[in-house]
Amino acid sequence: VDPIQVLEEMENTTEKELNFKIEGENILNFKEYNKNLNSIYAPDLISEIWSNKVLVLERVEGIKINDLETIQKEGYDNKEIARKLALSYCKQIFDDGFFQSDPHPGNLLICNKKICFLDFGIVGELKPEMKKWLNSAIWAIATRDIDKVIECILAIGIKTGKVNKANLSEDVEYLFDTYLSTSLKNIKLSELL
């Protein structure tokens, strides 16, 4: 990791997160992308007093997404919520190329039968070319096409400099053999990453 690059990224991210004009625009964009989804919500922006130093949103009361006991007590189906959240993130990343990039329990509430996303200070945005390659990678993984996965990895540019394609091929094949045929409950995310 290049420490200077990390510090520059942190500075850039902090400046964006502290500019409420950008956060308000992110909320409006998120609401537009998800306007036809009944299960996804973001608070309304009070635009009359919105500026780069002031952001006022609709107050949202809800249950933190990790409060499984209360969610179940209130009559929600935890598996259905998980499915809707996963589908929402797939849509955000692979269709919209615009996603809320801080999905911790404090930023995800369940209210009025919807998943409410909060805090749009930082969002992820993917250019059309990156979306195309990510979608190709998902298809290649689903069809176990190792060569296509390698092509996608190289196109996305995860690593700069020389790449040993034989080693990369072995690594991708290992990941396929280890993770594509096992249950999610048996996957150790830290090892996978």
N, C-alpha and C. Protein backbone atom coordinates (compact mmCIF):
# COMPACT_ATOMS: atom_id res chain seq x y z
N VAL A 1 0.85 -1.19 0.00
CA VAL A 1 0.00 0.00 0.00
C VAL A 1 0.89 1.24 0.00
N ASP A 2 0.54 2.19 -0.83
CA ASP A 2 1.26 3.46 -0.89
C ASP A 2 0.68 4.39 0.18
N PRO A 3 1.44 4.69 1.27
CA PRO A 3 0.89 5.50 2.37
C PRO A 3 0.47 6.90 1.92
N ILE A 4 1.19 7.49 1.00
CA ILE A 4 0.83 8.83 0.50
C ILE A 4 -0.52 8.77 -0.21
N GLN A 5 -0.70 7.75 -1.03
CA GLN A 5 -1.97 7.58 -1.74
C GLN A 5 -3.13 7.37 -0.75
N VAL A 6 -2.88 6.60 0.31
CA VAL A 6 -3.91 6.36 1.33
C VAL A 6 -4.28 7.67 2.01
N LEU A 7 -3.29 8.46 2.38
CA LEU A 7 -3.56 9.75 3.04
C LEU A 7 -4.32 10.70 2.11
N GLU A 8 -3.92 10.74 0.84
CA GLU A 8 -4.63 11.59 -0.12
C GLU A 8 -6.08 11.15 -0.28
N GLU A 9 -6.31 9.83 -0.31
CA GLU A 9 -7.68 9.30 -0.41
C GLU A 9 -8.49 9.67 0.83
N MET A 10 -7.86 9.58 2.01
CA MET A 10 -8.56 9.95 3.25
C MET A 10 -8.91 11.43 3.24
N GLU A 11 -7.99 12.26 2.78
CA GLU A 11 -8.25 13.71 2.71
C GLU A 11 -9.40 14.00 1.76
N ASN A 12 -9.37 13.38 0.59
CA ASN A 12 -10.41 13.58 -0.41
C ASN A 12 -11.77 13.12 0.12
N THR A 13 -11.79 11.96 0.75
CA THR A 13 -13.03 11.41 1.30
C THR A 13 -13.58 12.30 2.41
N THR A 14 -12.72 12.77 3.30
CA THR A 14 -13.15 13.63 4.40
C THR A 14 -13.74 14.94 3.88
N GLU A 15 -13.08 15.55 2.89
CA GLU A 15 -13.60 16.79 2.31
C GLU A 15 -14.99 16.57 1.72
N LYS A 16 -15.17 15.45 1.00
CA LYS A 16 -16.48 15.16 0.42
C LYS A 16 -17.52 14.93 1.50
N GLU A 17 -17.14 14.18 2.53
CA GLU A 17 -18.10 13.83 3.58
C GLU A 17 -18.55 15.04 4.38
N LEU A 18 -17.70 16.05 4.49
CA LEU A 18 -18.04 17.25 5.25
C LEU A 18 -18.77 18.30 4.41
N ASN A 19 -18.95 18.05 3.13
CA ASN A 19 -19.69 18.98 2.27
C ASN A 19 -21.12 18.46 2.14
N PHE A 20 -22.05 19.12 2.86
CA PHE A 20 -23.43 18.65 2.89
C PHE A 20 -24.16 18.85 1.57
N LYS A 21 -23.65 19.73 0.73
CA LYS A 21 -24.24 19.89 -0.60
C LYS A 21 -24.07 18.59 -1.39
N ILE A 22 -22.88 18.00 -1.29
CA ILE A 22 -22.61 16.73 -1.97
C ILE A 22 -23.48 15.62 -1.37
N GLU A 23 -23.58 15.57 -0.04
CA GLU A 23 -24.39 14.53 0.59
C GLU A 23 -25.86 14.66 0.17
N GLY A 24 -26.36 15.88 0.12
CA GLY A 24 -27.75 16.09 -0.32
C GLY A 24 -27.96 15.61 -1.75
N GLU A 25 -27.00 15.91 -2.62
CA GLU A 25 -27.10 15.44 -4.01
C GLU A 25 -27.07 13.92 -4.07
N ASN A 26 -26.26 13.31 -3.20
CA ASN A 26 -26.20 11.85 -3.16
C ASN A 26 -27.56 11.26 -2.73
N ILE A 27 -28.19 11.88 -1.75
CA ILE A 27 -29.52 11.42 -1.31
C ILE A 27 -30.51 11.52 -2.46
N LEU A 28 -30.53 12.66 -3.12
CA LEU A 28 -31.46 12.85 -4.24
C LEU A 28 -31.21 11.82 -5.35
N ASN A 29 -29.95 11.56 -5.65
CA ASN A 29 -29.62 10.55 -6.66
C ASN A 29 -30.09 9.17 -6.23
N PHE A 30 -29.83 8.82 -4.97
CA PHE A 30 -30.25 7.51 -4.46
C PHE A 30 -31.77 7.37 -4.54
N LYS A 31 -32.47 8.42 -4.14
CA LYS A 31 -33.94 8.38 -4.19
C LYS A 31 -34.43 8.21 -5.63
N GLU A 32 -33.78 8.88 -6.56
CA GLU A 32 -34.17 8.77 -7.98
C GLU A 32 -33.93 7.36 -8.50
N TYR A 33 -32.77 6.80 -8.22
CA TYR A 33 -32.47 5.44 -8.66
C TYR A 33 -33.44 4.41 -8.09
N ASN A 34 -33.95 4.67 -6.89
CA ASN A 34 -34.78 3.68 -6.20
C ASN A 34 -36.25 4.06 -6.12
N LYS A 35 -36.67 5.03 -6.91
CA LYS A 35 -38.05 5.54 -6.81
C LYS A 35 -39.11 4.48 -7.11
N ASN A 36 -38.79 3.46 -7.86
CA ASN A 36 -39.77 2.43 -8.21
C ASN A 36 -39.71 1.19 -7.31
N LEU A 37 -38.90 1.26 -6.26
CA LEU A 37 -38.77 0.13 -5.35
C LEU A 37 -39.54 0.41 -4.06
N ASN A 38 -40.53 -0.39 -3.77
CA ASN A 38 -41.35 -0.19 -2.57
C ASN A 38 -40.63 -0.54 -1.28
N SER A 39 -39.58 -1.34 -1.36
CA SER A 39 -38.93 -1.83 -0.14
C SER A 39 -37.69 -1.03 0.26
N ILE A 40 -37.30 -0.03 -0.54
CA ILE A 40 -36.08 0.75 -0.27
C ILE A 40 -36.46 2.21 -0.07
N TYR A 41 -35.81 2.84 0.92
CA TYR A 41 -36.17 4.22 1.25
C TYR A 41 -34.93 4.99 1.70
N ALA A 42 -34.97 6.28 1.49
CA ALA A 42 -33.99 7.21 2.06
C ALA A 42 -34.78 8.42 2.53
N PRO A 43 -34.36 9.07 3.61
CA PRO A 43 -35.12 10.21 4.15
C PRO A 43 -35.20 11.35 3.15
N ASP A 44 -36.31 12.09 3.25
CA ASP A 44 -36.48 13.27 2.41
C ASP A 44 -35.55 14.39 2.86
N LEU A 45 -35.08 15.14 1.91
CA LEU A 45 -34.19 16.27 2.14
C LEU A 45 -35.03 17.53 2.27
N ILE A 46 -34.78 18.35 3.29
CA ILE A 46 -35.45 19.64 3.45
C ILE A 46 -34.62 20.65 2.67
N SER A 47 -35.00 20.88 1.42
CA SER A 47 -34.13 21.63 0.50
C SER A 47 -34.11 23.13 0.75
N GLU A 48 -35.10 23.67 1.46
CA GLU A 48 -35.16 25.12 1.66
C GLU A 48 -33.96 25.66 2.45
N ILE A 49 -33.37 24.84 3.31
CA ILE A 49 -32.24 25.33 4.12
C ILE A 49 -30.96 24.53 3.87
N TRP A 50 -30.93 23.83 2.77
CA TRP A 50 -29.80 22.97 2.41
C TRP A 50 -28.67 23.79 1.82
N SER A 51 -27.46 23.59 2.34
CA SER A 51 -26.27 24.25 1.80
C SER A 51 -25.08 23.33 2.03
N ASN A 52 -23.88 23.80 1.67
CA ASN A 52 -22.71 22.94 1.89
C ASN A 52 -22.37 22.79 3.37
N LYS A 53 -22.98 23.61 4.25
CA LYS A 53 -22.73 23.50 5.69
C LYS A 53 -23.97 23.07 6.49
N VAL A 54 -25.13 22.97 5.84
CA VAL A 54 -26.37 22.61 6.54
C VAL A 54 -27.10 21.52 5.76
N LEU A 55 -27.47 20.48 6.49
CA LEU A 55 -28.25 19.38 5.89
C LEU A 55 -29.32 18.97 6.90
N VAL A 56 -30.57 19.15 6.53
CA VAL A 56 -31.68 18.75 7.38
C VAL A 56 -32.50 17.72 6.63
N LEU A 57 -32.74 16.59 7.31
CA LEU A 57 -33.48 15.50 6.69
C LEU A 57 -34.72 15.17 7.50
N GLU A 58 -35.62 14.49 6.86
CA GLU A 58 -36.79 13.94 7.53
C GLU A 58 -36.32 13.03 8.67
N ARG A 59 -37.00 13.09 9.81
CA ARG A 59 -36.67 12.20 10.92
C ARG A 59 -37.26 10.82 10.62
N VAL A 60 -36.42 9.82 10.74
CA VAL A 60 -36.86 8.45 10.47
C VAL A 60 -36.70 7.64 11.75
N GLU A 61 -37.80 7.04 12.20
CA GLU A 61 -37.78 6.15 13.36
C GLU A 61 -37.79 4.73 12.82
N GLY A 62 -36.93 3.89 13.32
CA GLY A 62 -36.90 2.52 12.83
C GLY A 62 -36.09 1.61 13.72
N ILE A 63 -35.95 0.39 13.28
CA ILE A 63 -35.23 -0.64 14.01
C ILE A 63 -33.89 -0.84 13.30
N LYS A 64 -32.80 -0.84 14.06
CA LYS A 64 -31.50 -1.12 13.44
C LYS A 64 -31.55 -2.50 12.79
N ILE A 65 -30.93 -2.60 11.64
CA ILE A 65 -31.02 -3.82 10.85
C ILE A 65 -30.41 -5.04 11.55
N ASN A 66 -29.57 -4.82 12.55
CA ASN A 66 -28.98 -5.96 13.27
C ASN A 66 -29.74 -6.32 14.55
N ASP A 67 -30.84 -5.63 14.81
CA ASP A 67 -31.68 -5.95 15.98
C ASP A 67 -32.70 -7.01 15.56
N LEU A 68 -32.19 -8.22 15.34
CA LEU A 68 -33.00 -9.30 14.77
C LEU A 68 -34.19 -9.66 15.65
N GLU A 69 -34.01 -9.60 16.95
CA GLU A 69 -35.09 -9.97 17.86
C GLU A 69 -36.27 -9.00 17.73
N THR A 70 -35.99 -7.69 17.73
CA THR A 70 -37.06 -6.69 17.59
C THR A 70 -37.70 -6.77 16.21
N ILE A 71 -36.87 -6.96 15.20
CA ILE A 71 -37.40 -7.07 13.83
C ILE A 71 -38.40 -8.22 13.77
N GLN A 72 -38.04 -9.35 14.33
CA GLN A 72 -38.93 -10.51 14.31
C GLN A 72 -40.17 -10.25 15.16
N LYS A 73 -39.98 -9.62 16.33
CA LYS A 73 -41.10 -9.30 17.23
C LYS A 73 -42.11 -8.39 16.53
N GLU A 74 -41.62 -7.50 15.66
CA GLU A 74 -42.49 -6.57 14.94
C GLU A 74 -43.15 -7.21 13.71
N GLY A 75 -42.90 -8.50 13.50
CA GLY A 75 -43.56 -9.22 12.43
C GLY A 75 -42.83 -9.26 11.09
N TYR A 76 -41.60 -8.81 11.08
CA TYR A 76 -40.81 -8.86 9.85
C TYR A 76 -40.15 -10.23 9.72
N ASP A 77 -39.84 -10.59 8.49
CA ASP A 77 -39.14 -11.84 8.19
C ASP A 77 -37.67 -11.50 7.93
N ASN A 78 -36.78 -11.96 8.83
CA ASN A 78 -35.35 -11.64 8.71
C ASN A 78 -34.77 -12.09 7.37
N LYS A 79 -35.18 -13.27 6.90
CA LYS A 79 -34.65 -13.77 5.62
C LYS A 79 -35.11 -12.90 4.45
N GLU A 80 -36.33 -12.42 4.53
CA GLU A 80 -36.85 -11.55 3.47
C GLU A 80 -36.11 -10.21 3.46
N ILE A 81 -35.82 -9.68 4.63
CA ILE A 81 -35.06 -8.43 4.73
C ILE A 81 -33.66 -8.63 4.15
N ALA A 82 -33.02 -9.75 4.52
CA ALA A 82 -31.68 -10.04 3.99
C ALA A 82 -31.71 -10.15 2.47
N ARG A 83 -32.72 -10.82 1.94
CA ARG A 83 -32.85 -10.98 0.49
C ARG A 83 -33.02 -9.62 -0.19
N LYS A 84 -33.90 -8.78 0.38
CA LYS A 84 -34.14 -7.45 -0.21
C LYS A 84 -32.90 -6.57 -0.13
N LEU A 85 -32.16 -6.67 0.99
CA LEU A 85 -30.94 -5.88 1.12
C LEU A 85 -29.89 -6.33 0.11
N ALA A 86 -29.73 -7.65 -0.04
CA ALA A 86 -28.76 -8.17 -1.02
C ALA A 86 -29.15 -7.76 -2.44
N LEU A 87 -30.43 -7.87 -2.77
CA LEU A 87 -30.89 -7.47 -4.10
C LEU A 87 -30.69 -5.97 -4.32
N SER A 88 -30.94 -5.19 -3.26
CA SER A 88 -30.75 -3.75 -3.37
C SER A 88 -29.30 -3.41 -3.68
N TYR A 89 -28.37 -4.04 -2.96
CA TYR A 89 -26.95 -3.76 -3.22
C TYR A 89 -26.52 -4.25 -4.60
N CYS A 90 -27.05 -5.37 -5.03
CA CYS A 90 -26.73 -5.83 -6.40
C CYS A 90 -27.22 -4.81 -7.42
N LYS A 91 -28.44 -4.30 -7.23
CA LYS A 91 -28.97 -3.28 -8.15
C LYS A 91 -28.12 -2.02 -8.09
N GLN A 92 -27.81 -1.58 -6.86
CA GLN A 92 -27.02 -0.35 -6.71
C GLN A 92 -25.67 -0.46 -7.44
N ILE A 93 -25.00 -1.59 -7.26
CA ILE A 93 -23.67 -1.74 -7.83
C ILE A 93 -23.71 -2.09 -9.31
N PHE A 94 -24.46 -3.15 -9.66
CA PHE A 94 -24.38 -3.70 -11.02
C PHE A 94 -25.30 -3.00 -12.02
N ASP A 95 -26.40 -2.39 -11.56
CA ASP A 95 -27.29 -1.67 -12.48
C ASP A 95 -27.01 -0.17 -12.45
N ASP A 96 -27.10 0.41 -11.23
CA ASP A 96 -27.01 1.86 -11.11
C ASP A 96 -25.57 2.35 -11.17
N GLY A 97 -24.65 1.58 -10.63
CA GLY A 97 -23.27 2.06 -10.51
C GLY A 97 -23.17 3.18 -9.49
N PHE A 98 -24.11 3.20 -8.56
CA PHE A 98 -24.18 4.24 -7.53
C PHE A 98 -24.70 3.58 -6.27
N PHE A 99 -23.87 3.55 -5.19
CA PHE A 99 -24.29 2.81 -4.01
C PHE A 99 -23.87 3.49 -2.71
N GLN A 100 -24.70 3.31 -1.69
CA GLN A 100 -24.39 3.79 -0.35
C GLN A 100 -23.26 2.91 0.14
N SER A 101 -22.12 3.53 0.47
CA SER A 101 -20.92 2.73 0.71
C SER A 101 -20.54 2.59 2.18
N ASP A 102 -21.50 2.79 3.08
CA ASP A 102 -21.21 2.64 4.50
C ASP A 102 -22.36 1.88 5.17
N PRO A 103 -22.54 0.61 4.80
CA PRO A 103 -23.74 -0.13 5.24
C PRO A 103 -23.61 -0.79 6.61
N HIS A 104 -23.28 -0.01 7.65
CA HIS A 104 -23.26 -0.59 8.99
C HIS A 104 -24.64 -0.42 9.64
N PRO A 105 -24.91 -1.13 10.74
CA PRO A 105 -26.24 -1.12 11.34
C PRO A 105 -26.78 0.27 11.70
N GLY A 106 -25.93 1.22 11.99
CA GLY A 106 -26.40 2.57 12.28
C GLY A 106 -26.93 3.30 11.06
N ASN A 107 -26.60 2.81 9.88
CA ASN A 107 -27.03 3.46 8.63
C ASN A 107 -28.12 2.70 7.90
N LEU A 108 -28.62 1.64 8.51
CA LEU A 108 -29.69 0.84 7.88
C LEU A 108 -30.76 0.57 8.92
N LEU A 109 -31.95 1.09 8.67
CA LEU A 109 -33.08 0.90 9.57
C LEU A 109 -34.20 0.17 8.85
N ILE A 110 -35.02 -0.51 9.63
CA ILE A 110 -36.24 -1.10 9.11
C ILE A 110 -37.39 -0.26 9.64
N CYS A 111 -38.18 0.31 8.74
CA CYS A 111 -39.32 1.12 9.16
C CYS A 111 -40.39 1.09 8.07
N ASN A 112 -41.62 1.00 8.50
CA ASN A 112 -42.76 0.99 7.56
C ASN A 112 -42.58 -0.02 6.43
N LYS A 113 -42.10 -1.20 6.77
CA LYS A 113 -41.90 -2.30 5.82
C LYS A 113 -40.88 -1.98 4.74
N LYS A 114 -39.95 -1.08 5.06
CA LYS A 114 -38.91 -0.70 4.11
C LYS A 114 -37.54 -0.76 4.78
N ILE A 115 -36.52 -0.93 3.94
CA ILE A 115 -35.14 -0.77 4.40
C ILE A 115 -34.77 0.67 4.11
N CYS A 116 -34.46 1.39 5.18
CA CYS A 116 -34.14 2.81 5.03
C CYS A 116 -32.62 2.99 5.13
N PHE A 117 -32.04 3.57 4.09
CA PHE A 117 -30.62 3.86 4.04
C PHE A 117 -30.38 5.28 4.57
N LEU A 118 -29.39 5.42 5.43
CA LEU A 118 -29.02 6.71 6.00
C LEU A 118 -27.56 7.00 5.68
N ASP A 119 -27.17 8.25 5.79
CA ASP A 119 -25.77 8.70 5.66
C ASP A 119 -25.21 8.48 4.26
N PHE A 120 -25.33 9.51 3.47
CA PHE A 120 -24.83 9.47 2.09
C PHE A 120 -23.65 10.40 1.90
N GLY A 121 -22.89 10.61 2.99
CA GLY A 121 -21.70 11.44 2.89
C GLY A 121 -20.69 10.84 1.93
N ILE A 122 -20.61 9.52 1.93
CA ILE A 122 -19.73 8.82 1.01
C ILE A 122 -20.56 7.79 0.25
N VAL A 123 -20.47 7.86 -1.05
CA VAL A 123 -21.12 6.86 -1.90
C VAL A 123 -20.08 6.30 -2.86
N GLY A 124 -20.37 5.13 -3.38
CA GLY A 124 -19.52 4.57 -4.42
C GLY A 124 -20.15 4.85 -5.76
N GLU A 125 -19.32 5.18 -6.71
CA GLU A 125 -19.80 5.40 -8.07
C GLU A 125 -18.91 4.63 -9.04
N LEU A 126 -19.54 3.90 -9.94
CA LEU A 126 -18.80 3.12 -10.92
C LEU A 126 -19.06 3.68 -12.32
N LYS A 127 -17.99 3.82 -13.06
CA LYS A 127 -18.15 4.25 -14.45
C LYS A 127 -18.75 3.09 -15.26
N PRO A 128 -19.41 3.40 -16.36
CA PRO A 128 -20.04 2.34 -17.17
C PRO A 128 -19.09 1.20 -17.54
N GLU A 129 -17.85 1.52 -17.85
CA GLU A 129 -16.88 0.49 -18.22
C GLU A 129 -16.60 -0.46 -17.05
N MET A 130 -16.47 0.10 -15.84
CA MET A 130 -16.25 -0.73 -14.66
C MET A 130 -17.47 -1.61 -14.38
N LYS A 131 -18.68 -1.04 -14.52
CA LYS A 131 -19.90 -1.83 -14.34
C LYS A 131 -19.93 -2.99 -15.31
N LYS A 132 -19.54 -2.72 -16.55
CA LYS A 132 -19.53 -3.77 -17.57
C LYS A 132 -18.60 -4.91 -17.16
N TRP A 133 -17.40 -4.56 -16.71
CA TRP A 133 -16.43 -5.59 -16.32
C TRP A 133 -16.88 -6.35 -15.07
N LEU A 134 -17.47 -5.65 -14.10
CA LEU A 134 -17.97 -6.33 -12.91
C LEU A 134 -19.10 -7.30 -13.26
N ASN A 135 -20.00 -6.87 -14.13
CA ASN A 135 -21.08 -7.75 -14.56
C ASN A 135 -20.52 -8.97 -15.31
N SER A 136 -19.51 -8.73 -16.14
CA SER A 136 -18.87 -9.84 -16.85
C SER A 136 -18.21 -10.80 -15.86
N ALA A 137 -17.60 -10.25 -14.82
CA ALA A 137 -16.94 -11.09 -13.82
C ALA A 137 -17.96 -11.95 -13.08
N ILE A 138 -19.09 -11.37 -12.73
CA ILE A 138 -20.14 -12.15 -12.04
C ILE A 138 -20.63 -13.28 -12.93
N TRP A 139 -20.85 -12.97 -14.21
CA TRP A 139 -21.29 -14.01 -15.15
C TRP A 139 -20.22 -15.10 -15.29
N ALA A 140 -18.97 -14.68 -15.37
CA ALA A 140 -17.87 -15.64 -15.51
C ALA A 140 -17.77 -16.53 -14.27
N ILE A 141 -17.98 -15.96 -13.10
CA ILE A 141 -17.95 -16.76 -11.88
C ILE A 141 -19.11 -17.76 -11.89
N ALA A 142 -20.29 -17.28 -12.26
CA ALA A 142 -21.47 -18.15 -12.28
C ALA A 142 -21.31 -19.31 -13.26
N THR A 143 -20.60 -19.08 -14.36
CA THR A 143 -20.40 -20.13 -15.37
C THR A 143 -19.06 -20.83 -15.22
N ARG A 144 -18.33 -20.49 -14.14
CA ARG A 144 -17.03 -21.08 -13.83
C ARG A 144 -16.03 -20.93 -14.99
N ASP A 145 -16.03 -19.78 -15.60
CA ASP A 145 -15.15 -19.48 -16.73
C ASP A 145 -13.89 -18.78 -16.19
N ILE A 146 -12.89 -19.56 -15.85
CA ILE A 146 -11.67 -19.04 -15.23
C ILE A 146 -10.98 -18.02 -16.13
N ASP A 147 -10.89 -18.30 -17.42
CA ASP A 147 -10.21 -17.38 -18.34
C ASP A 147 -10.90 -16.02 -18.37
N LYS A 148 -12.24 -16.03 -18.35
CA LYS A 148 -12.98 -14.76 -18.37
C LYS A 148 -12.80 -14.00 -17.05
N VAL A 149 -12.77 -14.72 -15.93
CA VAL A 149 -12.53 -14.07 -14.64
C VAL A 149 -11.17 -13.38 -14.66
N ILE A 150 -10.17 -14.07 -15.16
CA ILE A 150 -8.81 -13.50 -15.25
C ILE A 150 -8.82 -12.27 -16.15
N GLU A 151 -9.49 -12.37 -17.28
CA GLU A 151 -9.61 -11.22 -18.19
C GLU A 151 -10.24 -10.02 -17.47
N CYS A 152 -11.28 -10.28 -16.69
CA CYS A 152 -11.96 -9.20 -15.96
C CYS A 152 -11.04 -8.60 -14.90
N ILE A 153 -10.35 -9.45 -14.15
CA ILE A 153 -9.43 -8.96 -13.12
C ILE A 153 -8.36 -8.06 -13.74
N LEU A 154 -7.81 -8.50 -14.85
CA LEU A 154 -6.76 -7.71 -15.52
C LEU A 154 -7.32 -6.41 -16.09
N ALA A 155 -8.55 -6.46 -16.62
CA ALA A 155 -9.16 -5.26 -17.20
C ALA A 155 -9.49 -4.23 -16.13
N ILE A 156 -9.95 -4.71 -14.98
CA ILE A 156 -10.31 -3.81 -13.89
C ILE A 156 -9.06 -3.14 -13.33
N GLY A 157 -7.93 -3.82 -13.42
CA GLY A 157 -6.66 -3.21 -13.01
C GLY A 157 -6.45 -3.23 -11.51
N ILE A 158 -6.77 -4.34 -10.88
CA ILE A 158 -6.59 -4.47 -9.44
C ILE A 158 -5.12 -4.35 -9.07
N LYS A 159 -4.24 -4.89 -9.90
CA LYS A 159 -2.79 -4.84 -9.64
C LYS A 159 -2.10 -4.13 -10.80
N THR A 160 -1.16 -3.30 -10.45
CA THR A 160 -0.36 -2.65 -11.49
C THR A 160 0.96 -3.40 -11.62
N GLY A 161 1.61 -3.23 -12.75
CA GLY A 161 2.88 -3.90 -12.98
C GLY A 161 2.68 -5.27 -13.60
N LYS A 162 3.73 -6.10 -13.51
CA LYS A 162 3.68 -7.43 -14.12
C LYS A 162 2.79 -8.36 -13.30
N VAL A 163 2.10 -9.23 -14.02
CA VAL A 163 1.22 -10.21 -13.40
C VAL A 163 1.61 -11.59 -13.91
N ASN A 164 1.82 -12.53 -13.00
CA ASN A 164 2.09 -13.91 -13.38
C ASN A 164 0.74 -14.58 -13.62
N LYS A 165 0.39 -14.72 -14.90
CA LYS A 165 -0.94 -15.25 -15.25
C LYS A 165 -1.12 -16.71 -14.81
N ALA A 166 -0.05 -17.47 -14.77
CA ALA A 166 -0.16 -18.86 -14.33
C ALA A 166 -0.55 -18.91 -12.85
N ASN A 167 0.11 -18.08 -12.04
CA ASN A 167 -0.24 -18.01 -10.62
C ASN A 167 -1.66 -17.49 -10.42
N LEU A 168 -2.03 -16.48 -11.18
CA LEU A 168 -3.37 -15.93 -11.09
C LEU A 168 -4.42 -16.98 -11.45
N SER A 169 -4.15 -17.74 -12.50
CA SER A 169 -5.06 -18.81 -12.91
C SER A 169 -5.21 -19.85 -11.81
N GLU A 170 -4.09 -20.24 -11.20
CA GLU A 170 -4.14 -21.21 -10.09
C GLU A 170 -4.94 -20.65 -8.92
N ASP A 171 -4.74 -19.37 -8.60
CA ASP A 171 -5.47 -18.75 -7.49
C ASP A 171 -6.98 -18.70 -7.76
N VAL A 172 -7.36 -18.33 -8.96
CA VAL A 172 -8.78 -18.26 -9.30
C VAL A 172 -9.39 -19.66 -9.27
N GLU A 173 -8.66 -20.64 -9.80
CA GLU A 173 -9.14 -22.02 -9.76
C GLU A 173 -9.30 -22.50 -8.32
N TYR A 174 -8.36 -22.15 -7.45
CA TYR A 174 -8.45 -22.50 -6.04
C TYR A 174 -9.70 -21.88 -5.40
N LEU A 175 -9.93 -20.59 -5.70
CA LEU A 175 -11.12 -19.92 -5.15
C LEU A 175 -12.40 -20.60 -5.64
N PHE A 176 -12.45 -20.96 -6.91
CA PHE A 176 -13.62 -21.67 -7.44
C PHE A 176 -13.83 -22.97 -6.69
N ASP A 177 -12.76 -23.77 -6.59
CA ASP A 177 -12.86 -25.09 -5.96
C ASP A 177 -13.23 -24.97 -4.48
N THR A 178 -12.70 -23.95 -3.82
CA THR A 178 -12.90 -23.82 -2.38
C THR A 178 -14.25 -23.19 -2.04
N TYR A 179 -14.67 -22.18 -2.79
CA TYR A 179 -15.81 -21.38 -2.36
C TYR A 179 -17.09 -21.54 -3.17
N LEU A 180 -17.01 -21.95 -4.41
CA LEU A 180 -18.25 -22.04 -5.21
C LEU A 180 -19.09 -23.26 -4.89
N SER A 181 -18.49 -24.23 -4.23
CA SER A 181 -19.24 -25.45 -3.96
C SER A 181 -19.57 -25.62 -2.48
N THR A 182 -19.32 -24.60 -1.68
CA THR A 182 -19.58 -24.72 -0.24
C THR A 182 -20.73 -23.81 0.19
N SER A 183 -21.32 -24.12 1.30
CA SER A 183 -22.40 -23.32 1.86
C SER A 183 -21.85 -22.00 2.37
N LEU A 184 -22.67 -20.95 2.32
CA LEU A 184 -22.24 -19.64 2.82
C LEU A 184 -21.84 -19.70 4.28
N LYS A 185 -22.50 -20.55 5.07
CA LYS A 185 -22.18 -20.62 6.50
C LYS A 185 -20.78 -21.18 6.74
N ASN A 186 -20.21 -21.87 5.75
CA ASN A 186 -18.87 -22.45 5.90
C ASN A 186 -17.76 -21.54 5.37
N ILE A 187 -18.13 -20.40 4.81
CA ILE A 187 -17.14 -19.50 4.22
C ILE A 187 -16.63 -18.54 5.28
N LYS A 188 -15.31 -18.48 5.43
CA LYS A 188 -14.69 -17.50 6.30
C LYS A 188 -14.31 -16.30 5.43
N LEU A 189 -15.04 -15.21 5.61
CA LEU A 189 -14.88 -14.06 4.74
C LEU A 189 -13.45 -13.52 4.76
N SER A 190 -12.81 -13.51 5.91
CA SER A 190 -11.44 -12.99 5.98
C SER A 190 -10.50 -13.80 5.11
N GLU A 191 -10.67 -15.12 5.09
CA GLU A 191 -9.81 -15.97 4.23
C GLU A 191 -10.13 -15.73 2.76
N LEU A 192 -11.42 -15.62 2.44
CA LEU A 192 -11.82 -15.39 1.05
C LEU A 192 -11.20 -14.10 0.52
N LEU A 193 -11.30 -13.04 1.31
CA LEU A 193 -10.73 -11.76 0.87
C LEU A 193 -9.22 -11.86 0.74
